[in-house]
Amino acid sequence: MKWGQFNVHLVSDGYLWLDGGAMFGVVPKTLWQRKSIPDEKNRIRLALNCLLIQTPEKNILVDTGCGFKYTDKELEIYQLDHSTDLVQELGKLEIAPGDIDIVINTHYHFDHCGGNTRVKEGEIVPTFHNAIHLVRREEYDEATNPNPRTAATYRSHNWEPVEKKGLLQIVDQEDQVVSGVTLVHTPGHTLGHQSVKLESQGKTLFFIADLCPTTAHISLPWIMGFDLFPLTTLEVREKIYRQAVDEKWLIMFEHDPDIPFGYLSCEDNKYVLDPVSWDE
């Protein structure tokens, strides 16, 4: 899709299945199952939608999906579906891993940064070996010093090989990565969670990441049980939603398997989504 001066592509790392109760927190199953149908193990299907931004000079990749470094038990638990994967999808665009210049990690949960690294000849190495990898300092600090609740999802092999190769850049501010591509601090899911705003020729595309993982989570209080700071999520969501409505942002949803993006509107004090197709 052409977005102002940029070319943008939805690139998929496949799908995974996570527990529906955890994905919807305090929302009763009788409500959430109307929007996300669970399997026999109470899991719901989630996409791993990553974003490729092409500027005239740079290839920028936002998040890298799950990757492949999992045990058989983990593959069963998460029902990882790699009928397609990130490198394969990039290949369809004639882009090799070495052609990526910048990787933005919204946060360091395994389903957002697992593709940062891969196994090569028994060694875990950076997948995008020429790319600078960006992460917020709060996220890096939390991931490298996890507590018992967060330890399972923070897996150091997803960033340590990148750091050892000198490819990791820790950011402290809402910096522009390049002109028109801005990192936006959106804490709540984690303290260092960030989203990405793409602005060009009067249009804005907002990669919301886990601030709102799917269109089923649009309602302000429908917050994941995974969120470490749910009240912060609520506050930040409301702020972002207001901006998105007022300025007509196109929102991209990282985990929605059916509706990857759309425009928000506010009706009777409730936020609703107008889905759009990728080609629109």
Protein backbone atom coordinates (compact mmCIF):
# COMPACT_ATOMS: atom_id res chain seq x y z
CA MET A 1 0.00 0.00 0.00
CA LYS A 2 1.22 3.47 -0.84
CA TRP A 3 1.11 5.72 2.22
CA GLY A 4 2.19 9.20 1.27
CA GLN A 5 5.91 9.05 0.51
CA PHE A 6 6.19 5.51 1.93
CA ASN A 7 5.45 2.04 0.68
CA VAL A 8 4.05 -0.12 3.49
CA HIS A 9 3.45 -3.86 3.56
CA LEU A 10 1.72 -6.13 6.03
CA VAL A 11 4.11 -9.08 6.45
CA SER A 12 2.98 -12.08 8.46
CA ASP A 13 4.94 -14.42 10.71
CA GLY A 14 1.94 -16.76 10.86
CA TYR A 15 -0.37 -17.35 13.81
CA LEU A 16 -0.43 -18.53 17.39
CA TRP A 17 -3.16 -19.51 19.85
CA LEU A 18 -3.34 -18.04 23.36
CA ASP A 19 -5.73 -18.57 26.24
CA GLY A 20 -8.88 -16.52 25.69
CA GLY A 21 -9.34 -15.77 29.37
CA ALA A 22 -5.84 -14.32 29.59
CA MET A 23 -6.39 -12.34 26.39
CA PHE A 24 -9.54 -10.68 27.75
CA GLY A 25 -8.74 -10.32 31.44
CA VAL A 26 -11.79 -9.56 33.57
CA VAL A 27 -14.21 -9.67 30.62
CA PRO A 28 -16.54 -12.69 31.04
CA LYS A 29 -16.21 -15.48 28.50
CA THR A 30 -19.91 -15.18 27.68
CA LEU A 31 -19.06 -11.78 26.19
CA TRP A 32 -15.66 -12.24 24.58
CA GLN A 33 -16.44 -15.56 22.89
CA ARG A 34 -18.97 -13.75 20.70
CA LYS A 35 -16.04 -11.95 19.07
CA SER A 36 -13.22 -14.51 19.36
CA ILE A 37 -14.30 -18.14 19.15
CA PRO A 38 -12.12 -20.36 21.39
CA ASP A 39 -10.94 -23.88 20.60
CA GLU A 40 -11.45 -26.89 22.87
CA LYS A 41 -8.53 -25.70 25.03
CA ASN A 42 -10.03 -22.21 25.43
CA ARG A 43 -7.41 -20.67 23.12
CA ILE A 44 -8.11 -18.04 20.48
CA ARG A 45 -6.34 -17.63 17.15
CA LEU A 46 -4.09 -14.58 16.90
CA ALA A 47 -2.19 -13.22 13.92
CA LEU A 48 1.44 -12.14 13.93
CA ASN A 49 1.06 -9.07 11.72
CA CYS A 50 4.32 -7.18 11.27
CA LEU A 51 4.79 -3.99 9.27
CA LEU A 52 7.40 -3.24 6.63
CA ILE A 53 7.93 0.47 5.95
CA GLN A 54 9.95 1.37 2.86
CA THR A 55 11.35 4.87 2.55
CA PRO A 56 13.48 5.95 -0.40
CA GLU A 57 16.58 5.09 1.69
CA LYS A 58 15.55 2.56 4.36
CA ASN A 59 13.69 -0.70 4.92
CA ILE A 60 12.13 -0.56 8.41
CA LEU A 61 10.52 -3.59 10.03
CA VAL A 62 8.14 -3.21 12.98
CA ASP A 63 8.21 -6.34 15.17
CA THR A 64 9.37 -9.77 14.07
CA GLY A 65 6.74 -12.26 15.26
CA CYS A 66 7.52 -15.49 17.09
CA GLY A 67 10.35 -16.92 15.03
CA PHE A 68 11.28 -20.60 15.28
CA LYS A 69 13.23 -21.24 18.50
CA TYR A 70 10.72 -23.39 20.38
CA THR A 71 10.52 -26.83 21.97
CA ASP A 72 7.93 -29.36 20.89
CA LYS A 73 6.04 -28.68 24.11
CA GLU A 74 5.95 -24.94 23.42
CA LEU A 75 4.81 -25.54 19.86
CA GLU A 76 1.90 -27.54 21.23
CA ILE A 77 1.02 -25.02 23.94
CA TYR A 78 0.94 -22.07 21.56
CA GLN A 79 -0.15 -24.02 18.46
CA LEU A 80 2.30 -22.00 16.38
CA ASP A 81 1.31 -21.94 12.73
CA HIS A 82 4.14 -21.12 10.35
CA SER A 83 2.33 -21.94 7.14
CA THR A 84 3.87 -18.59 6.34
CA ASP A 85 6.65 -16.73 8.12
CA LEU A 86 8.33 -13.36 8.15
CA VAL A 87 11.40 -14.19 6.06
CA GLN A 88 9.24 -15.99 3.52
CA GLU A 89 6.87 -13.02 3.29
CA LEU A 90 9.75 -10.59 2.84
CA GLY A 91 11.13 -12.86 0.14
CA LYS A 92 7.90 -12.46 -1.81
CA LEU A 93 8.76 -8.76 -1.90
CA GLU A 94 12.32 -9.60 -3.04
CA ILE A 95 13.72 -8.41 0.27
CA ALA A 96 16.39 -10.53 1.99
CA PRO A 97 17.02 -10.35 5.76
CA GLY A 98 20.22 -8.43 5.05
CA ASP A 99 18.20 -5.73 3.26
CA ILE A 100 16.46 -4.64 6.47
CA ASP A 101 18.09 -1.47 7.86
CA ILE A 102 16.06 -0.93 11.06
CA VAL A 103 14.02 -3.24 13.29
CA ILE A 104 11.64 -1.61 15.76
CA ASN A 105 10.58 -3.86 18.64
CA THR A 106 7.41 -2.56 20.29
CA HIS A 107 8.40 -4.68 23.32
CA TYR A 108 10.30 -7.86 24.13
CA HIS A 109 7.52 -10.43 24.57
CA PHE A 110 8.43 -13.50 22.56
CA ASP A 111 5.61 -13.09 20.02
CA HIS A 112 6.92 -9.65 19.06
CA CYS A 113 10.67 -10.18 18.95
CA GLY A 114 11.18 -13.94 18.52
CA GLY A 115 12.09 -13.42 14.88
CA ASN A 116 14.96 -11.08 15.83
CA THR A 117 17.23 -14.13 15.93
CA ARG A 118 17.48 -17.56 14.33
CA VAL A 119 19.48 -20.74 14.70
CA LYS A 120 22.35 -21.09 12.23
CA GLU A 121 24.67 -24.09 12.46
CA GLY A 122 23.75 -24.60 16.11
CA GLU A 123 24.28 -20.97 17.08
CA ILE A 124 21.64 -18.29 17.69
CA VAL A 125 22.42 -15.28 15.50
CA PRO A 126 20.62 -12.09 14.42
CA THR A 127 18.16 -12.71 11.58
CA PHE A 128 18.47 -9.17 10.27
CA HIS A 129 22.23 -8.97 10.52
CA ASN A 130 22.61 -5.48 9.02
CA ALA A 131 19.80 -3.82 10.98
CA ILE A 132 19.89 -1.56 14.01
CA HIS A 133 17.31 -2.86 16.50
CA LEU A 134 15.40 -0.27 18.55
CA VAL A 135 13.77 -0.86 21.96
CA ARG A 136 12.82 1.48 24.81
CA ARG A 137 15.09 1.56 27.85
CA GLU A 138 12.28 0.69 30.28
CA GLU A 139 11.53 -2.42 28.24
CA TYR A 140 15.17 -3.46 28.05
CA ASP A 141 15.61 -3.00 31.79
CA GLU A 142 12.46 -5.00 32.57
CA ALA A 143 13.34 -7.79 30.15
CA THR A 144 16.88 -8.18 31.43
CA ASN A 145 15.67 -8.23 35.06
CA PRO A 146 12.34 -10.10 34.86
CA ASN A 147 10.21 -10.94 37.85
CA PRO A 148 8.55 -14.35 38.37
CA ARG A 149 5.45 -13.21 36.49
CA THR A 150 7.28 -11.91 33.40
CA ALA A 151 10.18 -14.37 33.16
CA ALA A 152 8.32 -16.85 30.92
CA THR A 153 7.74 -14.36 28.11
CA TYR A 154 11.12 -12.58 28.23
CA ARG A 155 13.63 -14.83 26.47
CA SER A 156 17.11 -13.39 26.30
CA HIS A 157 18.07 -15.32 23.16
CA ASN A 158 15.75 -12.94 21.29
CA TRP A 159 17.95 -9.88 21.95
CA GLU A 160 21.31 -10.90 23.46
CA PRO A 161 22.80 -12.06 20.12
CA VAL A 162 21.68 -8.75 18.61
CA GLU A 163 23.32 -6.84 21.44
CA LYS A 164 26.55 -8.84 21.20
CA LYS A 165 26.83 -7.94 17.52
CA GLY A 166 26.48 -4.23 18.35
CA LEU A 167 23.10 -3.98 16.62
CA LEU A 168 21.01 -2.93 19.63
CA GLN A 169 20.06 0.70 20.20
CA ILE A 170 18.19 1.61 23.38
CA VAL A 171 15.96 4.68 23.10
CA ASP A 172 14.80 7.00 25.87
CA GLN A 173 12.49 9.38 24.03
CA GLU A 174 9.72 9.44 21.47
CA ASP A 175 12.25 9.90 18.70
CA GLN A 176 11.78 10.02 14.95
CA VAL A 177 13.44 6.95 13.46
CA VAL A 178 13.46 8.68 10.09
CA SER A 179 11.43 11.66 8.94
CA GLY A 180 7.77 10.71 9.30
CA VAL A 181 8.31 7.55 11.40
CA THR A 182 8.01 8.21 15.14
CA LEU A 183 8.26 5.99 18.21
CA VAL A 184 5.39 6.65 20.64
CA HIS A 185 5.63 5.49 24.26
CA THR A 186 2.39 3.62 25.04
CA PRO A 187 2.91 1.95 28.45
CA GLY A 188 0.46 -0.34 30.19
CA HIS A 189 0.96 -3.74 28.61
CA THR A 190 4.53 -3.29 29.79
CA LEU A 191 6.25 -0.23 31.20
CA GLY A 192 8.37 0.21 28.07
CA HIS A 193 5.80 -0.69 25.42
CA GLN A 194 5.94 1.55 22.34
CA SER A 195 3.85 2.03 19.22
CA VAL A 196 4.84 3.45 15.85
CA LYS A 197 3.32 6.45 14.08
CA LEU A 198 3.78 6.83 10.34
CA GLU A 199 2.95 10.31 8.98
CA SER A 200 3.15 11.46 5.38
CA GLN A 201 1.29 13.92 3.17
CA GLY A 202 -1.37 14.59 5.80
CA LYS A 203 -2.12 10.94 6.57
CA THR A 204 -1.29 8.95 9.70
CA LEU A 205 -0.94 5.19 10.12
CA PHE A 206 -0.62 4.01 13.72
CA PHE A 207 0.82 0.59 14.59
CA ILE A 208 -0.86 0.17 17.97
CA ALA A 209 0.77 -3.17 18.93
CA ASP A 210 -0.40 -4.61 22.27
CA LEU A 211 -2.02 -1.40 23.48
CA CYS A 212 -5.01 -2.89 21.62
CA PRO A 213 -4.08 -6.29 20.15
CA THR A 214 -7.23 -7.02 18.10
CA THR A 215 -10.41 -5.30 17.00
CA ALA A 216 -12.24 -7.37 19.63
CA HIS A 217 -10.37 -5.32 22.26
CA ILE A 218 -11.54 -1.90 21.03
CA SER A 219 -13.76 -1.26 24.05
CA LEU A 220 -11.70 0.73 26.55
CA PRO A 221 -12.05 -1.69 29.51
CA TRP A 222 -11.45 -4.83 27.41
CA ILE A 223 -7.84 -5.13 28.54
CA MET A 224 -5.67 -8.24 28.48
CA GLY A 225 -4.87 -10.16 31.64
CA PHE A 226 -1.28 -10.05 30.35
CA ASP A 227 -1.10 -6.28 30.87
CA LEU A 228 1.16 -5.46 33.82
CA PHE A 229 -0.39 -2.03 34.38
CA PRO A 230 -4.04 -2.25 33.24
CA LEU A 231 -5.08 1.15 34.56
CA THR A 232 -2.22 2.72 32.64
CA THR A 233 -3.39 0.85 29.55
CA LEU A 234 -6.85 2.33 30.05
CA GLU A 235 -5.50 5.88 30.39
CA VAL A 236 -3.14 5.63 27.43
CA ARG A 237 -5.75 3.94 25.23
CA GLU A 238 -8.21 6.75 25.81
CA LYS A 239 -5.61 9.35 24.92
CA ILE A 240 -4.55 7.54 21.74
CA TYR A 241 -8.15 6.82 20.73
CA ARG A 242 -9.10 10.50 20.99
CA GLN A 243 -6.19 11.49 18.78
CA ALA A 244 -6.98 8.72 16.32
CA VAL A 245 -10.59 9.87 15.98
CA ASP A 246 -9.81 13.59 15.82
CA GLU A 247 -6.99 13.20 13.30
CA LYS A 248 -8.44 10.25 11.34
CA TRP A 249 -5.59 7.81 11.91
CA LEU A 250 -5.60 4.42 10.26
CA ILE A 251 -4.96 1.89 13.05
CA MET A 252 -3.08 -1.36 12.42
CA PHE A 253 -3.85 -4.27 14.76
CA GLU A 254 -0.93 -6.64 15.24
CA HIS A 255 -2.83 -9.70 16.44
CA ASP A 256 -6.13 -9.56 14.57
CA PRO A 257 -6.36 -12.51 12.15
CA ASP A 258 -9.28 -11.09 10.17
CA ILE A 259 -9.29 -7.28 10.39
CA PRO A 260 -5.73 -5.93 10.51
CA PHE A 261 -6.78 -2.29 10.39
CA GLY A 262 -9.45 0.35 10.32
CA TYR A 263 -10.54 3.81 11.45
CA LEU A 264 -11.97 4.56 14.91
CA SER A 265 -15.03 6.67 15.57
CA CYS A 266 -16.86 7.54 18.78
CA GLU A 267 -20.61 6.93 18.98
CA ASP A 268 -22.63 7.45 22.17
CA ASN A 269 -19.37 7.62 24.15
CA LYS A 270 -18.28 4.25 22.77
CA TYR A 271 -15.44 3.63 20.34
CA VAL A 272 -16.25 1.61 17.25
CA LEU A 273 -14.18 0.53 14.27
CA ASP A 274 -14.74 1.03 10.58
CA PRO A 275 -12.65 -1.76 9.01
CA VAL A 276 -10.84 -1.14 5.74
CA SER A 277 -9.15 -3.48 3.32
CA TRP A 278 -5.38 -3.40 2.86
CA ASP A 279 -5.84 -2.20 -0.71
CA GLU A 280 -8.20 0.64 0.18
